Full PDB file with SEQRES, HELIX, SHEET, SSBOND, CRYST1, ORIGX, SCALE, CONECT and MASTER records, all heavy atoms in Angstrom:
SEQRES   1 A   32  ASN TYR ALA ASP SER MET LYS GLY ARG PHE THR ILE SER          
SEQRES   2 A   32  ARG ASP ASN ALA LYS ASN THR VAL ASN LEU LEU MET SER          
SEQRES   3 A   32  VAL LEU GLN PRO ASP ASP                                      
SHEET    1 AA1 2 PHE A  10  ASP A  15  0                                        
SHEET    2 AA1 2 THR A  20  MET A  25 -1                                        
CRYST1    1.000    1.000    1.000  90.00  90.00  90.00 P 1           1          
ORIGX1      1.000000  0.000000  0.000000        0.00000                         
ORIGX2      0.000000  1.000000  0.000000        0.00000                         
ORIGX3      0.000000  0.000000  1.000000        0.00000                         
SCALE1      1.000000  0.000000  0.000000        0.00000                         
SCALE2      0.000000  1.000000  0.000000        0.00000                         
SCALE3      0.000000  0.000000  1.000000        0.00000                         
ATOM      1  N   ASN A   1       0.877  -1.172   0.076  1.00  0.00           N  
ATOM      2  CA  ASN A   1      -0.045   0.020   0.022  1.00  0.00           C  
ATOM      3  C   ASN A   1       0.867   1.274  -0.005  1.00  0.00           C  
ATOM      4  O   ASN A   1       1.825   1.351   0.822  1.00  0.00           O  
ATOM      5  CB  ASN A   1      -0.934  -0.017   1.253  1.00  0.00           C  
ATOM      6  CG  ASN A   1      -1.865   1.185   1.212  1.00  0.00           C  
ATOM      7  OD1 ASN A   1      -2.689   1.345   0.237  1.00  0.00           O  
ATOM      8  ND2 ASN A   1      -1.931   1.928   2.289  1.00  0.00           N  
ATOM      9  N   TYR A   2       0.551   2.268  -0.836  1.00  0.00           N  
ATOM     10  CA  TYR A   2       1.409   3.290  -0.923  1.00  0.00           C  
ATOM     11  C   TYR A   2       0.429   4.630  -0.836  1.00  0.00           C  
ATOM     12  O   TYR A   2      -0.704   4.675  -1.326  1.00  0.00           O  
ATOM     13  CB  TYR A   2       2.017   3.498  -2.264  1.00  0.00           C  
ATOM     14  CG  TYR A   2       3.109   2.404  -2.565  1.00  0.00           C  
ATOM     15  CD1 TYR A   2       2.686   1.140  -3.208  1.00  0.00           C  
ATOM     16  CD2 TYR A   2       4.374   2.533  -2.174  1.00  0.00           C  
ATOM     17  CE1 TYR A   2       3.586   0.210  -3.376  1.00  0.00           C  
ATOM     18  CE2 TYR A   2       5.258   1.539  -2.432  1.00  0.00           C  
ATOM     19  CZ  TYR A   2       4.872   0.316  -3.054  1.00  0.00           C  
ATOM     20  OH  TYR A   2       5.794  -0.614  -3.216  1.00  0.00           O  
ATOM     21  N   ALA A   3       1.028   5.654  -0.271  1.00  0.00           N  
ATOM     22  CA  ALA A   3       0.416   6.948  -0.254  1.00  0.00           C  
ATOM     23  C   ALA A   3       0.319   7.447  -1.701  1.00  0.00           C  
ATOM     24  O   ALA A   3       1.236   7.121  -2.561  1.00  0.00           O  
ATOM     25  CB  ALA A   3       1.065   7.933   0.616  1.00  0.00           C  
ATOM     26  N   ASP A   4      -0.653   8.214  -2.077  1.00  0.00           N  
ATOM     27  CA  ASP A   4      -0.820   8.649  -3.500  1.00  0.00           C  
ATOM     28  C   ASP A   4       0.398   9.380  -4.032  1.00  0.00           C  
ATOM     29  O   ASP A   4       0.791   9.176  -5.205  1.00  0.00           O  
ATOM     30  CB  ASP A   4      -2.047   9.551  -3.602  1.00  0.00           C  
ATOM     31  CG  ASP A   4      -3.347   8.878  -3.385  1.00  0.00           C  
ATOM     32  OD1 ASP A   4      -3.365   7.505  -3.619  1.00  0.00           O  
ATOM     33  OD2 ASP A   4      -4.441   9.395  -3.181  1.00  0.00           O  
ATOM     34  N   SER A   5       1.026  10.216  -3.228  1.00  0.00           N  
ATOM     35  CA  SER A   5       2.133  10.927  -3.779  1.00  0.00           C  
ATOM     36  C   SER A   5       3.434  10.161  -3.951  1.00  0.00           C  
ATOM     37  O   SER A   5       4.371  10.623  -4.620  1.00  0.00           O  
ATOM     38  CB  SER A   5       2.441  12.070  -2.756  1.00  0.00           C  
ATOM     39  OG  SER A   5       2.883  11.652  -1.455  1.00  0.00           O  
ATOM     40  N   MET A   6       3.361   8.895  -3.470  1.00  0.00           N  
ATOM     41  CA  MET A   6       4.575   8.109  -3.578  1.00  0.00           C  
ATOM     42  C   MET A   6       4.459   6.997  -4.690  1.00  0.00           C  
ATOM     43  O   MET A   6       5.281   6.344  -5.065  1.00  0.00           O  
ATOM     44  CB  MET A   6       4.904   7.303  -2.254  1.00  0.00           C  
ATOM     45  CG  MET A   6       5.423   8.295  -1.190  1.00  0.00           C  
ATOM     46  SD  MET A   6       4.121   9.255  -0.506  1.00  0.00           S  
ATOM     47  CE  MET A   6       4.935   9.869   1.049  1.00  0.00           C  
ATOM     48  N   LYS A   7       3.132   6.749  -5.088  1.00  0.00           N  
ATOM     49  CA  LYS A   7       2.855   5.745  -6.085  1.00  0.00           C  
ATOM     50  C   LYS A   7       3.668   6.014  -7.358  1.00  0.00           C  
ATOM     51  O   LYS A   7       3.663   7.091  -7.920  1.00  0.00           O  
ATOM     52  CB  LYS A   7       1.365   5.707  -6.372  1.00  0.00           C  
ATOM     53  CG  LYS A   7       0.572   5.142  -5.275  1.00  0.00           C  
ATOM     54  CD  LYS A   7      -0.885   5.062  -5.588  1.00  0.00           C  
ATOM     55  CE  LYS A   7      -1.766   4.488  -4.542  1.00  0.00           C  
ATOM     56  NZ  LYS A   7      -3.161   4.531  -4.790  1.00  0.00           N  
ATOM     57  N   GLY A   8       4.387   4.919  -7.888  1.00  0.00           N  
ATOM     58  CA  GLY A   8       5.186   5.057  -9.042  1.00  0.00           C  
ATOM     59  C   GLY A   8       6.570   5.525  -8.885  1.00  0.00           C  
ATOM     60  O   GLY A   8       7.383   5.475  -9.791  1.00  0.00           O  
ATOM     61  N   ARG A   9       6.858   6.008  -7.648  1.00  0.00           N  
ATOM     62  CA  ARG A   9       8.155   6.521  -7.280  1.00  0.00           C  
ATOM     63  C   ARG A   9       8.877   5.657  -6.297  1.00  0.00           C  
ATOM     64  O   ARG A   9      10.137   5.571  -6.318  1.00  0.00           O  
ATOM     65  CB  ARG A   9       8.144   8.022  -6.815  1.00  0.00           C  
ATOM     66  CG  ARG A   9       7.654   9.013  -7.886  1.00  0.00           C  
ATOM     67  CD  ARG A   9       7.901  10.392  -7.458  1.00  0.00           C  
ATOM     68  NE  ARG A   9       7.248  10.753  -6.157  1.00  0.00           N  
ATOM     69  CZ  ARG A   9       7.875  11.191  -5.132  1.00  0.00           C  
ATOM     70  NH1 ARG A   9       9.199  11.378  -5.130  1.00  0.00           N  
ATOM     71  NH2 ARG A   9       7.255  11.451  -4.097  1.00  0.00           N  
ATOM     72  N   PHE A  10       8.168   5.266  -5.303  1.00  0.00           N  
ATOM     73  CA  PHE A  10       8.746   4.491  -4.153  1.00  0.00           C  
ATOM     74  C   PHE A  10       8.219   3.034  -4.260  1.00  0.00           C  
ATOM     75  O   PHE A  10       7.146   2.773  -4.772  1.00  0.00           O  
ATOM     76  CB  PHE A  10       8.169   5.086  -2.852  1.00  0.00           C  
ATOM     77  CG  PHE A  10       8.764   6.422  -2.528  1.00  0.00           C  
ATOM     78  CD1 PHE A  10       9.504   7.156  -3.450  1.00  0.00           C  
ATOM     79  CD2 PHE A  10       8.501   7.030  -1.283  1.00  0.00           C  
ATOM     80  CE1 PHE A  10       9.952   8.458  -3.051  1.00  0.00           C  
ATOM     81  CE2 PHE A  10       8.890   8.193  -0.875  1.00  0.00           C  
ATOM     82  CZ  PHE A  10       9.660   8.973  -1.896  1.00  0.00           C  
ATOM     83  N   THR A  11       9.182   2.204  -3.853  1.00  0.00           N  
ATOM     84  CA  THR A  11       8.896   0.675  -3.848  1.00  0.00           C  
ATOM     85  C   THR A  11       9.310   0.101  -2.446  1.00  0.00           C  
ATOM     86  O   THR A  11      10.414   0.333  -2.091  1.00  0.00           O  
ATOM     87  CB  THR A  11       9.657  -0.026  -4.984  1.00  0.00           C  
ATOM     88  OG1 THR A  11       9.285   0.559  -6.167  1.00  0.00           O  
ATOM     89  CG2 THR A  11       9.292  -1.524  -4.998  1.00  0.00           C  
ATOM     90  N   ILE A  12       8.330  -0.526  -1.844  1.00  0.00           N  
ATOM     91  CA  ILE A  12       8.708  -1.243  -0.647  1.00  0.00           C  
ATOM     92  C   ILE A  12       8.844  -2.685  -0.848  1.00  0.00           C  
ATOM     93  O   ILE A  12       8.148  -3.327  -1.633  1.00  0.00           O  
ATOM     94  CB  ILE A  12       7.666  -0.887   0.491  1.00  0.00           C  
ATOM     95  CG1 ILE A  12       8.100  -1.373   1.828  1.00  0.00           C  
ATOM     96  CG2 ILE A  12       6.287  -1.478   0.086  1.00  0.00           C  
ATOM     97  CD1 ILE A  12       7.104  -0.960   3.026  1.00  0.00           C  
ATOM     98  N   SER A  13       9.699  -3.267  -0.052  1.00  0.00           N  
ATOM     99  CA  SER A  13       9.902  -4.754  -0.235  1.00  0.00           C  
ATOM    100  C   SER A  13      10.373  -5.308   1.136  1.00  0.00           C  
ATOM    101  O   SER A  13      10.823  -4.593   2.066  1.00  0.00           O  
ATOM    102  CB  SER A  13      11.089  -5.132  -1.294  1.00  0.00           C  
ATOM    103  OG  SER A  13      12.211  -4.516  -0.938  1.00  0.00           O  
ATOM    104  N   ARG A  14      10.254  -6.576   1.331  1.00  0.00           N  
ATOM    105  CA  ARG A  14      10.633  -7.161   2.580  1.00  0.00           C  
ATOM    106  C   ARG A  14      11.426  -8.537   2.286  1.00  0.00           C  
ATOM    107  O   ARG A  14      10.931  -9.176   1.327  1.00  0.00           O  
ATOM    108  CB  ARG A  14       9.555  -7.372   3.565  1.00  0.00           C  
ATOM    109  CG  ARG A  14       8.553  -8.387   3.214  1.00  0.00           C  
ATOM    110  CD  ARG A  14       7.242  -8.370   4.071  1.00  0.00           C  
ATOM    111  NE  ARG A  14       7.565  -8.688   5.415  1.00  0.00           N  
ATOM    112  CZ  ARG A  14       6.857  -8.502   6.528  1.00  0.00           C  
ATOM    113  NH1 ARG A  14       5.632  -7.891   6.414  1.00  0.00           N  
ATOM    114  NH2 ARG A  14       7.197  -8.967   7.725  1.00  0.00           N  
ATOM    115  N   ASP A  15      12.219  -8.901   3.262  1.00  0.00           N  
ATOM    116  CA  ASP A  15      12.911 -10.131   3.205  1.00  0.00           C  
ATOM    117  C   ASP A  15      12.728 -10.769   4.554  1.00  0.00           C  
ATOM    118  O   ASP A  15      13.530 -10.438   5.480  1.00  0.00           O  
ATOM    119  CB  ASP A  15      14.402 -10.001   2.738  1.00  0.00           C  
ATOM    120  CG  ASP A  15      15.119 -11.387   2.539  1.00  0.00           C  
ATOM    121  OD1 ASP A  15      14.689 -12.343   3.010  1.00  0.00           O  
ATOM    122  OD2 ASP A  15      16.154 -11.361   1.854  1.00  0.00           O  
ATOM    123  N   ASN A  16      11.901 -11.680   4.605  1.00  0.00           N  
ATOM    124  CA  ASN A  16      11.627 -12.273   5.989  1.00  0.00           C  
ATOM    125  C   ASN A  16      12.749 -13.127   6.467  1.00  0.00           C  
ATOM    126  O   ASN A  16      12.883 -13.242   7.685  1.00  0.00           O  
ATOM    127  CB  ASN A  16      10.329 -13.194   5.937  1.00  0.00           C  
ATOM    128  CG  ASN A  16       9.117 -12.281   5.755  1.00  0.00           C  
ATOM    129  OD1 ASN A  16       9.074 -11.143   6.156  1.00  0.00           O  
ATOM    130  ND2 ASN A  16       8.008 -12.885   5.181  1.00  0.00           N  
ATOM    131  N   ALA A  17      13.497 -13.717   5.541  1.00  0.00           N  
ATOM    132  CA  ALA A  17      14.623 -14.440   6.008  1.00  0.00           C  
ATOM    133  C   ALA A  17      15.783 -13.707   6.634  1.00  0.00           C  
ATOM    134  O   ALA A  17      16.483 -14.047   7.515  1.00  0.00           O  
ATOM    135  CB  ALA A  17      15.197 -15.280   4.784  1.00  0.00           C  
ATOM    136  N   LYS A  18      15.802 -12.431   6.152  1.00  0.00           N  
ATOM    137  CA  LYS A  18      16.857 -11.418   6.740  1.00  0.00           C  
ATOM    138  C   LYS A  18      16.271 -10.423   7.777  1.00  0.00           C  
ATOM    139  O   LYS A  18      16.919  -9.652   8.254  1.00  0.00           O  
ATOM    140  CB  LYS A  18      17.565 -10.716   5.697  1.00  0.00           C  
ATOM    141  CG  LYS A  18      18.318 -11.659   4.693  1.00  0.00           C  
ATOM    142  CD  LYS A  18      19.047 -10.788   3.561  1.00  0.00           C  
ATOM    143  CE  LYS A  18      19.881 -11.653   2.727  1.00  0.00           C  
ATOM    144  NZ  LYS A  18      20.563 -10.821   1.654  1.00  0.00           N  
ATOM    145  N   ASN A  19      14.916 -10.546   8.056  1.00  0.00           N  
ATOM    146  CA  ASN A  19      14.217  -9.658   8.888  1.00  0.00           C  
ATOM    147  C   ASN A  19      14.465  -8.222   8.474  1.00  0.00           C  
ATOM    148  O   ASN A  19      14.790  -7.361   9.360  1.00  0.00           O  
ATOM    149  CB  ASN A  19      14.672  -9.881  10.335  1.00  0.00           C  
ATOM    150  CG  ASN A  19      14.160 -11.136  10.947  1.00  0.00           C  
ATOM    151  OD1 ASN A  19      13.512 -11.949  10.314  1.00  0.00           O  
ATOM    152  ND2 ASN A  19      14.444 -11.396  12.234  1.00  0.00           N  
ATOM    153  N   THR A  20      14.322  -7.940   7.214  1.00  0.00           N  
ATOM    154  CA  THR A  20      14.584  -6.594   6.728  1.00  0.00           C  
ATOM    155  C   THR A  20      13.344  -6.153   5.898  1.00  0.00           C  
ATOM    156  O   THR A  20      12.661  -6.870   5.215  1.00  0.00           O  
ATOM    157  CB  THR A  20      15.867  -6.423   5.825  1.00  0.00           C  
ATOM    158  OG1 THR A  20      15.719  -7.326   4.732  1.00  0.00           O  
ATOM    159  CG2 THR A  20      17.054  -6.877   6.658  1.00  0.00           C  
ATOM    160  N   VAL A  21      13.219  -4.776   5.851  1.00  0.00           N  
ATOM    161  CA  VAL A  21      12.366  -4.104   4.946  1.00  0.00           C  
ATOM    162  C   VAL A  21      12.934  -2.929   4.338  1.00  0.00           C  
ATOM    163  O   VAL A  21      13.786  -2.292   5.030  1.00  0.00           O  
ATOM    164  CB  VAL A  21      10.997  -3.728   5.776  1.00  0.00           C  
ATOM    165  CG1 VAL A  21      11.270  -2.735   6.772  1.00  0.00           C  
ATOM    166  CG2 VAL A  21       9.938  -3.134   4.660  1.00  0.00           C  
ATOM    167  N   ASN A  22      12.801  -2.774   3.114  1.00  0.00           N  
ATOM    168  CA  ASN A  22      13.478  -1.700   2.264  1.00  0.00           C  
ATOM    169  C   ASN A  22      12.534  -0.801   1.589  1.00  0.00           C  
ATOM    170  O   ASN A  22      11.439  -1.175   1.354  1.00  0.00           O  
ATOM    171  CB  ASN A  22      14.447  -2.457   1.276  1.00  0.00           C  
ATOM    172  CG  ASN A  22      15.484  -3.344   1.849  1.00  0.00           C  
ATOM    173  OD1 ASN A  22      16.267  -2.919   2.740  1.00  0.00           O  
ATOM    174  ND2 ASN A  22      15.528  -4.553   1.342  1.00  0.00           N  
ATOM    175  N   LEU A  23      13.023   0.386   1.310  1.00  0.00           N  
ATOM    176  CA  LEU A  23      12.237   1.357   0.634  1.00  0.00           C  
ATOM    177  C   LEU A  23      13.144   1.917  -0.386  1.00  0.00           C  
ATOM    178  O   LEU A  23      14.110   2.619  -0.065  1.00  0.00           O  
ATOM    179  CB  LEU A  23      11.727   2.482   1.466  1.00  0.00           C  
ATOM    180  CG  LEU A  23      10.860   3.519   0.948  1.00  0.00           C  
ATOM    181  CD1 LEU A  23       9.561   2.900   0.461  1.00  0.00           C  
ATOM    182  CD2 LEU A  23      10.601   4.640   1.831  1.00  0.00           C  
ATOM    183  N   LEU A  24      12.857   1.761  -1.712  1.00  0.00           N  
ATOM    184  CA  LEU A  24      13.619   2.272  -2.769  1.00  0.00           C  
ATOM    185  C   LEU A  24      12.854   3.664  -3.220  1.00  0.00           C  
ATOM    186  O   LEU A  24      11.624   3.483  -3.545  1.00  0.00           O  
ATOM    187  CB  LEU A  24      13.759   1.359  -3.975  1.00  0.00           C  
ATOM    188  CG  LEU A  24      14.335   1.861  -5.215  1.00  0.00           C  
ATOM    189  CD1 LEU A  24      15.723   2.385  -4.892  1.00  0.00           C  
ATOM    190  CD2 LEU A  24      14.362   0.905  -6.369  1.00  0.00           C  
ATOM    191  N   MET A  25      13.465   4.708  -3.067  1.00  0.00           N  
ATOM    192  CA  MET A  25      12.877   5.999  -3.429  1.00  0.00           C  
ATOM    193  C   MET A  25      13.451   6.529  -4.616  1.00  0.00           C  
ATOM    194  O   MET A  25      14.778   6.744  -4.699  1.00  0.00           O  
ATOM    195  CB  MET A  25      13.022   6.970  -2.223  1.00  0.00           C  
ATOM    196  CG  MET A  25      12.508   6.446  -0.925  1.00  0.00           C  
ATOM    197  SD  MET A  25      12.574   7.686   0.445  1.00  0.00           S  
ATOM    198  CE  MET A  25      14.418   7.753   0.565  1.00  0.00           C  
ATOM    199  N   SER A  26      12.770   6.892  -5.644  1.00  0.00           N  
ATOM    200  CA  SER A  26      13.228   7.396  -6.811  1.00  0.00           C  
ATOM    201  C   SER A  26      12.565   8.737  -7.223  1.00  0.00           C  
ATOM    202  O   SER A  26      11.509   9.062  -6.703  1.00  0.00           O  
ATOM    203  CB  SER A  26      12.913   6.417  -7.977  1.00  0.00           C  
ATOM    204  OG  SER A  26      13.588   5.131  -7.828  1.00  0.00           O  
ATOM    205  N   VAL A  27      13.106   9.486  -8.098  1.00  0.00           N  
ATOM    206  CA  VAL A  27      12.646  10.711  -8.545  1.00  0.00           C  
ATOM    207  C   VAL A  27      12.289  11.563  -7.348  1.00  0.00           C  
ATOM    208  O   VAL A  27      11.161  12.113  -7.194  1.00  0.00           O  
ATOM    209  CB  VAL A  27      11.427  10.554  -9.516  1.00  0.00           C  
ATOM    210  CG1 VAL A  27      11.168  11.852 -10.230  1.00  0.00           C  
ATOM    211  CG2 VAL A  27      11.516   9.409 -10.469  1.00  0.00           C  
ATOM    212  N   LEU A  28      13.233  11.661  -6.400  1.00  0.00           N  
ATOM    213  CA  LEU A  28      12.991  12.409  -5.192  1.00  0.00           C  
ATOM    214  C   LEU A  28      12.886  13.860  -5.422  1.00  0.00           C  
ATOM    215  O   LEU A  28      13.549  14.481  -6.381  1.00  0.00           O  
ATOM    216  CB  LEU A  28      14.156  12.151  -4.222  1.00  0.00           C  
ATOM    217  CG  LEU A  28      14.228  10.722  -3.604  1.00  0.00           C  
ATOM    218  CD1 LEU A  28      15.508  10.473  -2.943  1.00  0.00           C  
ATOM    219  CD2 LEU A  28      13.111  10.698  -2.588  1.00  0.00           C  
ATOM    220  N   GLN A  29      12.039  14.514  -4.693  1.00  0.00           N  
ATOM    221  CA  GLN A  29      11.714  15.907  -4.762  1.00  0.00           C  
ATOM    222  C   GLN A  29      11.973  16.587  -3.445  1.00  0.00           C  
ATOM    223  O   GLN A  29      11.961  15.907  -2.346  1.00  0.00           O  
ATOM    224  CB  GLN A  29      10.318  16.180  -5.231  1.00  0.00           C  
ATOM    225  CG  GLN A  29       9.909  15.514  -6.468  1.00  0.00           C  
ATOM    226  CD  GLN A  29      10.733  16.182  -7.689  1.00  0.00           C  
ATOM    227  OE1 GLN A  29      10.975  17.423  -7.741  1.00  0.00           O  
ATOM    228  NE2 GLN A  29      11.272  15.256  -8.637  1.00  0.00           N  
ATOM    229  N   PRO A  30      12.184  17.799  -3.439  1.00  0.00           N  
ATOM    230  CA  PRO A  30      12.395  18.565  -2.128  1.00  0.00           C  
ATOM    231  C   PRO A  30      11.252  18.256  -1.040  1.00  0.00           C  
ATOM    232  O   PRO A  30      11.604  18.254   0.019  1.00  0.00           O  
ATOM    233  CB  PRO A  30      12.488  19.959  -2.514  1.00  0.00           C  
ATOM    234  CG  PRO A  30      13.073  20.059  -3.898  1.00  0.00           C  
ATOM    235  CD  PRO A  30      12.413  18.870  -4.484  1.00  0.00           C  
ATOM    236  N   ASP A  31      10.056  18.121  -1.523  1.00  0.00           N  
ATOM    237  CA  ASP A  31       8.930  17.787  -0.676  1.00  0.00           C  
ATOM    238  C   ASP A  31       9.099  16.497  -0.004  1.00  0.00           C  
ATOM    239  O   ASP A  31       8.336  16.197   0.996  1.00  0.00           O  
ATOM    240  CB  ASP A  31       7.655  17.952  -1.375  1.00  0.00           C  
ATOM    241  CG  ASP A  31       7.117  19.281  -1.738  1.00  0.00           C  
ATOM    242  OD1 ASP A  31       7.747  20.279  -1.084  1.00  0.00           O  
ATOM    243  OD2 ASP A  31       6.211  19.482  -2.466  1.00  0.00           O  
ATOM    244  N   ASP A  32      10.027  15.664  -0.442  1.00  0.00           N  
ATOM    245  CA  ASP A  32      10.204  14.401   0.107  1.00  0.00           C  
ATOM    246  C   ASP A  32      11.107  14.391   1.400  1.00  0.00           C  
ATOM    247  O   ASP A  32      11.348  13.415   2.075  1.00  0.00           O  
ATOM    248  CB  ASP A  32      10.739  13.382  -0.798  1.00  0.00           C  
ATOM    249  CG  ASP A  32       9.890  13.034  -1.951  1.00  0.00           C  
ATOM    250  OD1 ASP A  32       8.654  12.847  -1.683  1.00  0.00           O  
ATOM    251  OD2 ASP A  32      10.313  12.961  -3.078  1.00  0.00           O  
TER     252      ASP A  32                                                      
MASTER        0    0    0    0    2    0    0    6  251    1    0    3          
END                                                                             
C-alpha cells in the first residue's frame, strides 16, 4: 500500500529470511 504521492516513485519490499524491509525511493523531490 502506498500513499498517493509516492505511487510510481517508491517501492517497498521485505525479506523475511533477513528480517529486513527496504524502501527504494526514486525521482526524489524537495517535498520528500
